[in-house]
C-alpha atoms as a PDB file:
ATOM      1  CA  MET A   1     191.109 148.149 195.049  1.00  0.00           C
ATOM      2  CA  THR A   2     189.602 145.380 192.227  1.00  0.00           C
ATOM      3  CA  LYS A   3     186.356 146.466 190.398  1.00  0.00           C
ATOM      4  CA  ARG A   4     184.612 143.733 192.395  1.00  0.00           C
ATOM      5  CA  GLU A   5     185.995 144.720 195.937  1.00  0.00           C
ATOM      6  CA  LYS A   6     184.027 148.077 193.690  1.00  0.00           C
ATOM      7  CA  TRP A   7     181.379 147.230 193.100  1.00  0.00           C
ATOM      8  CA  MET A   8     180.756 145.222 196.620  1.00  0.00           C
ATOM      9  CA  LEU A   9     181.070 148.760 198.367  1.00  0.00           C
ATOM     10  CA  SER A  10     179.343 150.257 195.708  1.00  0.00           C
ATOM     11  CA  PRO A  11     175.331 150.023 196.754  1.00  0.00           C
ATOM     12  CA  TYR A  12     176.490 152.089 199.481  1.00  0.00           C
ATOM     13  CA  ARG A  13     178.963 154.712 197.535  1.00  0.00           C
ATOM     14  CA  LEU A  14     175.667 156.202 194.982  1.00  0.00           C
ATOM     15  CA  ALA A  15     174.604 156.575 198.395  1.00  0.00           C
ATOM     16  CA  HIS A  16     176.953 158.628 199.754  1.00  0.00           C
ATOM     17  CA  HIS A  17     175.003 159.259 203.123  1.00  0.00           C
ATOM     18  CA  PRO A  18     174.385 156.600 205.961  1.00  0.00           C
ATOM     19  CA  LEU A  19     171.408 154.150 204.562  1.00  0.00           C
ATOM     20  CA  CYS A  20     168.937 155.375 207.015  1.00  0.00           C
ATOM     21  CA  LYS A  21     165.848 157.246 207.556  1.00  0.00           C
ATOM     22  CA  ASN A  22     167.519 160.172 208.202  1.00  0.00           C
ATOM     23  CA  PHE A  23     169.535 160.890 205.124  1.00  0.00           C
ATOM     24  CA  ASP A  24     166.082 158.892 203.164  1.00  0.00           C
ATOM     25  CA  ASP A  25     165.408 163.023 201.865  1.00  0.00           C
ATOM     26  CA  HIS A  26     169.424 162.683 200.635  1.00  0.00           C
ATOM     27  CA  MET A  27     168.526 159.696 198.716  1.00  0.00           C
ATOM     28  CA  TYR A  28     166.782 158.635 195.100  1.00  0.00           C
ATOM     29  CA  VAL A  29     166.510 155.549 194.970  1.00  0.00           C
ATOM     30  CA  ILE A  30     166.711 153.995 191.396  1.00  0.00           C
ATOM     31  CA  LYS A  31     166.127 150.534 189.905  1.00  0.00           C
ATOM     32  CA  GLY A  32     166.289 149.523 193.810  1.00  0.00           C
ATOM     33  CA  GLN A  33     169.698 150.794 194.783  1.00  0.00           C
ATOM     34  CA  LYS A  34     170.144 154.040 196.463  1.00  0.00           C
ATOM     35  CA  VAL A  35     171.323 157.425 194.767  1.00  0.00           C
ATOM     36  CA  CYS A  36     172.726 160.382 195.705  1.00  0.00           C
ATOM     37  CA  ARG A  37     170.764 162.732 194.960  1.00  0.00           C
ATOM     38  CA  GLY A  38     173.344 165.944 194.999  1.00  0.00           C
ATOM     39  CA  CYS A  39     175.011 163.305 192.591  1.00  0.00           C
ATOM     40  CA  VAL A  40     172.029 163.030 190.259  1.00  0.00           C
ATOM     41  CA  ASN A  41     171.743 166.542 189.923  1.00  0.00           C
ATOM     42  CA  LEU A  42     175.184 167.790 189.308  1.00  0.00           C
ATOM     43  CA  TYR A  43     176.037 165.720 187.305  1.00  0.00           C
ATOM     44  CA  SER A  44     172.653 165.754 185.388  1.00  0.00           C
ATOM     45  CA  GLY A  45     172.930 169.372 185.323  1.00  0.00           C
ATOM     46  CA  MET A  46     176.802 169.133 184.753  1.00  0.00           C
ATOM     47  CA  ILE A  47     175.449 167.534 181.086  1.00  0.00           C
ATOM     48  CA  ALA A  48     172.960 169.976 180.033  1.00  0.00           C
ATOM     49  CA  GLY A  49     176.218 172.123 180.284  1.00  0.00           C
ATOM     50  CA  LEU A  50     177.706 170.268 178.346  1.00  0.00           C
ATOM     51  CA  ILE A  51     175.197 169.968 175.440  1.00  0.00           C
ATOM     52  CA  LEU A  52     174.730 173.293 175.477  1.00  0.00           C
ATOM     53  CA  ALA A  53     178.383 175.003 174.971  1.00  0.00           C
ATOM     54  CA  PRO A  54     179.386 173.806 171.844  1.00  0.00           C
ATOM     55  CA  ILE A  55     175.744 175.678 170.959  1.00  0.00           C
ATOM     56  CA  MET A  56     176.539 178.535 173.025  1.00  0.00           C
ATOM     57  CA  VAL A  57     180.364 178.469 170.736  1.00  0.00           C
ATOM     58  CA  PHE A  58     179.496 178.287 167.521  1.00  0.00           C
ATOM     59  CA  VAL A  59     176.114 179.403 167.361  1.00  0.00           C
ATOM     60  CA  LEU A  60     175.967 181.639 170.159  1.00  0.00           C
ATOM     61  CA  LYS A  61     178.901 182.913 169.325  1.00  0.00           C
ATOM     62  CA  VAL A  62     180.170 183.961 173.476  1.00  0.00           C
ATOM     63  CA  THR A  63     182.837 185.118 174.427  1.00  0.00           C
ATOM     64  CA  PHE A  64     184.852 184.209 177.764  1.00  0.00           C
ATOM     65  CA  TRP A  65     182.988 187.367 180.200  1.00  0.00           C
ATOM     66  CA  MET A  66     179.544 185.709 179.283  1.00  0.00           C
ATOM     67  CA  VAL A  67     179.663 182.277 180.504  1.00  0.00           C
ATOM     68  CA  PHE A  68     182.121 184.083 183.329  1.00  0.00           C
ATOM     69  CA  THR A  69     178.905 185.823 184.077  1.00  0.00           C
ATOM     70  CA  ALA A  70     176.329 183.402 183.540  1.00  0.00           C
ATOM     71  CA  MET A  71     179.001 181.019 185.178  1.00  0.00           C
ATOM     72  CA  LEU A  72     178.032 183.561 188.253  1.00  0.00           C
ATOM     73  CA  VAL A  73     175.455 184.249 188.100  1.00  0.00           C
ATOM     74  CA  LEU A  74     174.553 179.787 188.252  1.00  0.00           C
ATOM     75  CA  PHE A  75     176.548 179.364 191.095  1.00  0.00           C
ATOM     76  CA  ILE A  76     175.139 182.243 193.086  1.00  0.00           C
ATOM     77  CA  PHE A  77     172.413 179.491 194.011  1.00  0.00           C
ATOM     78  CA  THR A  78     175.021 177.184 195.981  1.00  0.00           C
ATOM     79  CA  PRO A  79     175.757 179.231 199.090  1.00  0.00           C
ATOM     80  CA  ILE A  80     172.606 180.723 198.491  1.00  0.00           C
ATOM     81  CA  SER A  81     170.423 177.199 199.223  1.00  0.00           C
ATOM     82  CA  ALA A  82     173.292 176.454 201.551  1.00  0.00           C
ATOM     83  CA  PHE A  83     172.659 179.349 203.979  1.00  0.00           C
ATOM     84  CA  LEU A  84     169.530 179.953 203.998  1.00  0.00           C
ATOM     85  CA  ASP A  85     167.922 175.889 204.121  1.00  0.00           C
ATOM     86  CA  PRO A  86     165.425 176.164 201.653  1.00  0.00           C
ATOM     87  CA  PRO A  87     163.358 173.343 200.638  1.00  0.00           C
ATOM     88  CA  ARG A  88     164.477 170.226 198.844  1.00  0.00           C
ATOM     89  CA  LEU A  89     163.348 170.788 195.268  1.00  0.00           C
ATOM     90  CA  ILE A  90     164.803 174.373 195.216  1.00  0.00           C
ATOM     91  CA  LYS A  91     168.637 173.015 196.927  1.00  0.00           C
ATOM     92  CA  ASP A  92     168.440 170.007 193.860  1.00  0.00           C
ATOM     93  CA  VAL A  93     167.512 172.679 191.559  1.00  0.00           C
ATOM     94  CA  SER A  94     170.483 174.812 193.225  1.00  0.00           C
ATOM     95  CA  ARG A  95     172.730 171.297 192.924  1.00  0.00           C
ATOM     96  CA  PHE A  96     170.577 171.599 188.714  1.00  0.00           C
ATOM     97  CA  PHE A  97     172.376 174.894 187.860  1.00  0.00           C
ATOM     98  CA  LEU A  98     175.676 174.568 190.049  1.00  0.00           C
ATOM     99  CA  GLY A  99     176.618 171.200 187.913  1.00  0.00           C
ATOM    100  CA  ILE A 100     176.410 174.257 184.601  1.00  0.00           C
ATOM    101  CA  ALA A 101     177.790 176.614 186.044  1.00  0.00           C
ATOM    102  CA  MET A 102     181.260 174.277 186.172  1.00  0.00           C
ATOM    103  CA  ILE A 103     180.854 172.815 183.323  1.00  0.00           C
ATOM    104  CA  ALA A 104     180.532 176.986 182.217  1.00  0.00           C
ATOM    105  CA  ALA A 105     183.711 178.294 184.093  1.00  0.00           C
ATOM    106  CA  GLY A 106     185.846 175.486 181.819  1.00  0.00           C
ATOM    107  CA  LEU A 107     184.380 177.366 179.251  1.00  0.00           C
ATOM    108  CA  SER A 108     184.937 180.451 180.189  1.00  0.00           C
ATOM    109  CA  VAL A 109     188.367 178.846 181.120  1.00  0.00           C
ATOM    110  CA  ILE A 110     188.649 177.642 177.625  1.00  0.00           C
ATOM    111  CA  LEU A 111     187.839 180.588 175.903  1.00  0.00           C
ATOM    112  CA  SER A 112     190.277 183.469 177.732  1.00  0.00           C
ATOM    113  CA  ILE A 113     193.126 181.286 177.339  1.00  0.00           C
ATOM    114  CA  VAL A 114     192.888 181.677 173.460  1.00  0.00           C
ATOM    115  CA  THR A 115     191.564 185.622 174.566  1.00  0.00           C
ATOM    116  CA  LEU A 116     194.253 186.144 175.469  1.00  0.00           C
ATOM    117  CA  ALA A 117     196.654 183.727 172.656  1.00  0.00           C
ATOM    118  CA  GLN A 118     195.207 185.581 169.798  1.00  0.00           C
ATOM    119  CA  ALA A 119     194.779 189.376 171.779  1.00  0.00           C
ATOM    120  CA  MET A 120     197.304 189.074 174.851  1.00  0.00           C
ATOM    121  CA  ASN A 121     193.376 190.421 176.547  1.00  0.00           C
ATOM    122  CA  TRP A 122     195.124 190.632 180.077  1.00  0.00           C
ATOM    123  CA  TRP A 123     191.649 190.748 181.773  1.00  0.00           C
ATOM    124  CA  ALA A 124     191.175 187.173 180.142  1.00  0.00           C
ATOM    125  CA  PHE A 125     193.413 186.388 182.349  1.00  0.00           C
ATOM    126  CA  VAL A 126     192.328 188.026 185.371  1.00  0.00           C
ATOM    127  CA  VAL A 127     189.166 185.929 184.474  1.00  0.00           C
ATOM    128  CA  ILE A 128     190.721 182.616 184.571  1.00  0.00           C
ATOM    129  CA  LEU A 129     192.199 183.250 187.961  1.00  0.00           C
ATOM    130  CA  VAL A 130     189.271 184.337 189.992  1.00  0.00           C
ATOM    131  CA  THR A 131     187.728 181.174 188.020  1.00  0.00           C
ATOM    132  CA  ILE A 132     190.011 179.332 189.543  1.00  0.00           C
ATOM    133  CA  ALA A 133     190.714 180.555 192.323  1.00  0.00           C
ATOM    134  CA  LEU A 134     186.854 180.347 192.696  1.00  0.00           C
ATOM    135  CA  TYR A 135     186.276 176.772 191.742  1.00  0.00           C
ATOM    136  CA  PHE A 136     188.463 175.510 194.681  1.00  0.00           C
ATOM    137  CA  SER A 137     187.955 177.662 197.642  1.00  0.00           C
ATOM    138  CA  SER A 138     183.856 177.053 197.702  1.00  0.00           C
ATOM    139  CA  ARG A 139     184.461 172.924 196.858  1.00  0.00           C
ATOM    140  CA  ALA A 140     186.733 173.120 200.054  1.00  0.00           C
ATOM    141  CA  TYR A 141     184.555 175.635 202.003  1.00  0.00           C
ATOM    142  CA  PHE A 142     181.305 173.453 201.033  1.00  0.00           C
ATOM    143  CA  THR A 143     182.480 170.696 201.238  1.00  0.00           C
ATOM    144  CA  ARG A 144     182.939 170.824 205.134  1.00  0.00           C
ATOM    145  CA  TYR A 145     179.959 172.911 205.459  1.00  0.00           C
ATOM    146  CA  ARG A 146     177.668 169.738 204.394  1.00  0.00           C
ATOM    147  CA  ASN A 147     179.926 167.286 206.990  1.00  0.00           C
ATOM    148  CA  ARG A 148     179.438 168.866 208.941  1.00  0.00           C
ATOM    149  CA  LYS A 149     175.420 169.597 208.658  1.00  0.00           C
ATOM    150  CA  ASN A 150     176.150 165.873 207.608  1.00  0.00           C
ATOM    151  CA  GLU A 151     177.487 164.404 210.884  1.00  0.00           C
ATOM    152  CA  GLN A 152     175.329 166.882 213.330  1.00  0.00           C
ATOM    153  CA  VAL A 153     172.507 164.536 212.028  1.00  0.00           C
ATOM    154  CA  CYS A 154     173.855 162.105 212.574  1.00  0.00           C
ATOM    155  CA  ARG A 155     175.054 163.497 216.363  1.00  0.00           C
ATOM    156  CA  LYS A 156     171.333 163.847 216.886  1.00  0.00           C
ATOM    157  CA  CYS A 157     170.210 159.887 216.619  1.00  0.00           C
ATOM    158  CA  ASP A 158     169.846 157.481 219.334  1.00  0.00           C
ATOM    159  CA  GLN A 159     172.674 155.414 217.467  1.00  0.00           C
ATOM    160  CA  PHE A 160     175.461 157.824 217.625  1.00  0.00           C
ATOM    161  CA  TYR A 161     176.855 156.106 219.639  1.00  0.00           C
ATOM    162  CA  HIS A 162     176.570 152.904 218.890  1.00  0.00           C
ATOM    163  CA  PRO A 163     180.260 150.855 216.710  1.00  0.00           C
ATOM    164  CA  ARG A 164     177.839 150.592 213.945  1.00  0.00           C
ATOM    165  CA  CYS A 165     174.351 151.946 212.788  1.00  0.00           C
ATOM    166  CA  ASP A 166     171.384 150.719 211.029  1.00  0.00           C
ATOM    167  CA  GLY A 167     172.799 153.624 208.288  1.00  0.00           C
ATOM    168  CA  MET A 168     175.927 151.796 207.899  1.00  0.00           C
ATOM    169  CA  VAL A 169     175.527 148.142 208.502  1.00  0.00           C
ATOM    170  CA  ASP A 170     175.426 147.383 204.966  1.00  0.00           C
ATOM    171  CA  ALA A 171     178.942 148.745 204.655  1.00  0.00           C
ATOM    172  CA  VAL A 172     180.116 147.362 207.097  1.00  0.00           C
ATOM    173  CA  ASP A 173     179.232 144.297 206.205  1.00  0.00           C
ATOM    174  CA  ARG A 174     179.978 144.604 202.451  1.00  0.00           C
ATOM    175  CA  ALA A 175     183.453 146.267 204.651  1.00  0.00           C
ATOM    176  CA  LYS A 176     183.575 142.452 205.821  1.00  0.00           C
ATOM    177  CA  ALA A 177     182.953 140.642 202.105  1.00  0.00           C
ATOM    178  CA  VAL A 178     186.089 142.867 200.756  1.00  0.00           C
ATOM    179  CA  GLU A 179     187.827 141.616 202.989  1.00  0.00           C
ATOM    180  CA  SER A 180     187.277 137.911 203.153  1.00  0.00           C
ATOM    181  CA  PHE A 181     187.679 138.224 199.610  1.00  0.00           C
ATOM    182  CA  ASN A 182     190.971 139.720 200.248  1.00  0.00           C
ATOM    183  CA  LYS A 183     191.546 136.532 202.167  1.00  0.00           C
ATOM    184  CA  GLY A 184     190.522 134.072 200.053  1.00  0.00           C
ATOM    185  CA  ASP A 185     187.416 132.445 202.455  1.00  0.00           C
ATOM    186  CA  ALA A 186     183.770 132.253 201.869  1.00  0.00           C
ATOM    187  CA  PHE A 187     183.488 134.891 199.302  1.00  0.00           C
ATOM    188  CA  SER A 188     186.605 133.902 196.953  1.00  0.00           C
ATOM    189  CA  GLU A 189     185.882 131.096 193.842  1.00  0.00           C
ATOM    190  CA  GLN A 190     187.277 128.862 194.751  1.00  0.00           C
END
């Protein structure tokens, strides 16, 4: 897909949800553009984690155990938030903590590798394996879980059986625009 095609589809892609009233609480509106609320909070947490990482390593001199423990503490908010269905603000904070936890996971793996290379501490190897297993298993599980919850919202909607619900019209129209662009008709620059 070309840059132009991605640009044509971007309003829907940034939202990651149908653009309807049922998913309004899943989005922020930034300069008229609907953006996925969870992604904004996650990436904000990742930026905060990237800012904190050098401070933790070079100023506070943390070990791989400390970072691993911090990652586990920050990560625990994700399953709690998913299963208890708290208010939206709590979910936002949980996603922010998940972003920091992801950076902490990477940092714990890096510090564990350094420790393994310097001292052959086998606990560092265990931390690497547990961190990688936790990342991939939780990512797979929570992605499926979130998709099922979103599908339930759509199934309850009275437009679910329509070929194009109001929330998907923009995405479908943009997809048709890309198709027209590729064919070289009205949307092309010719």
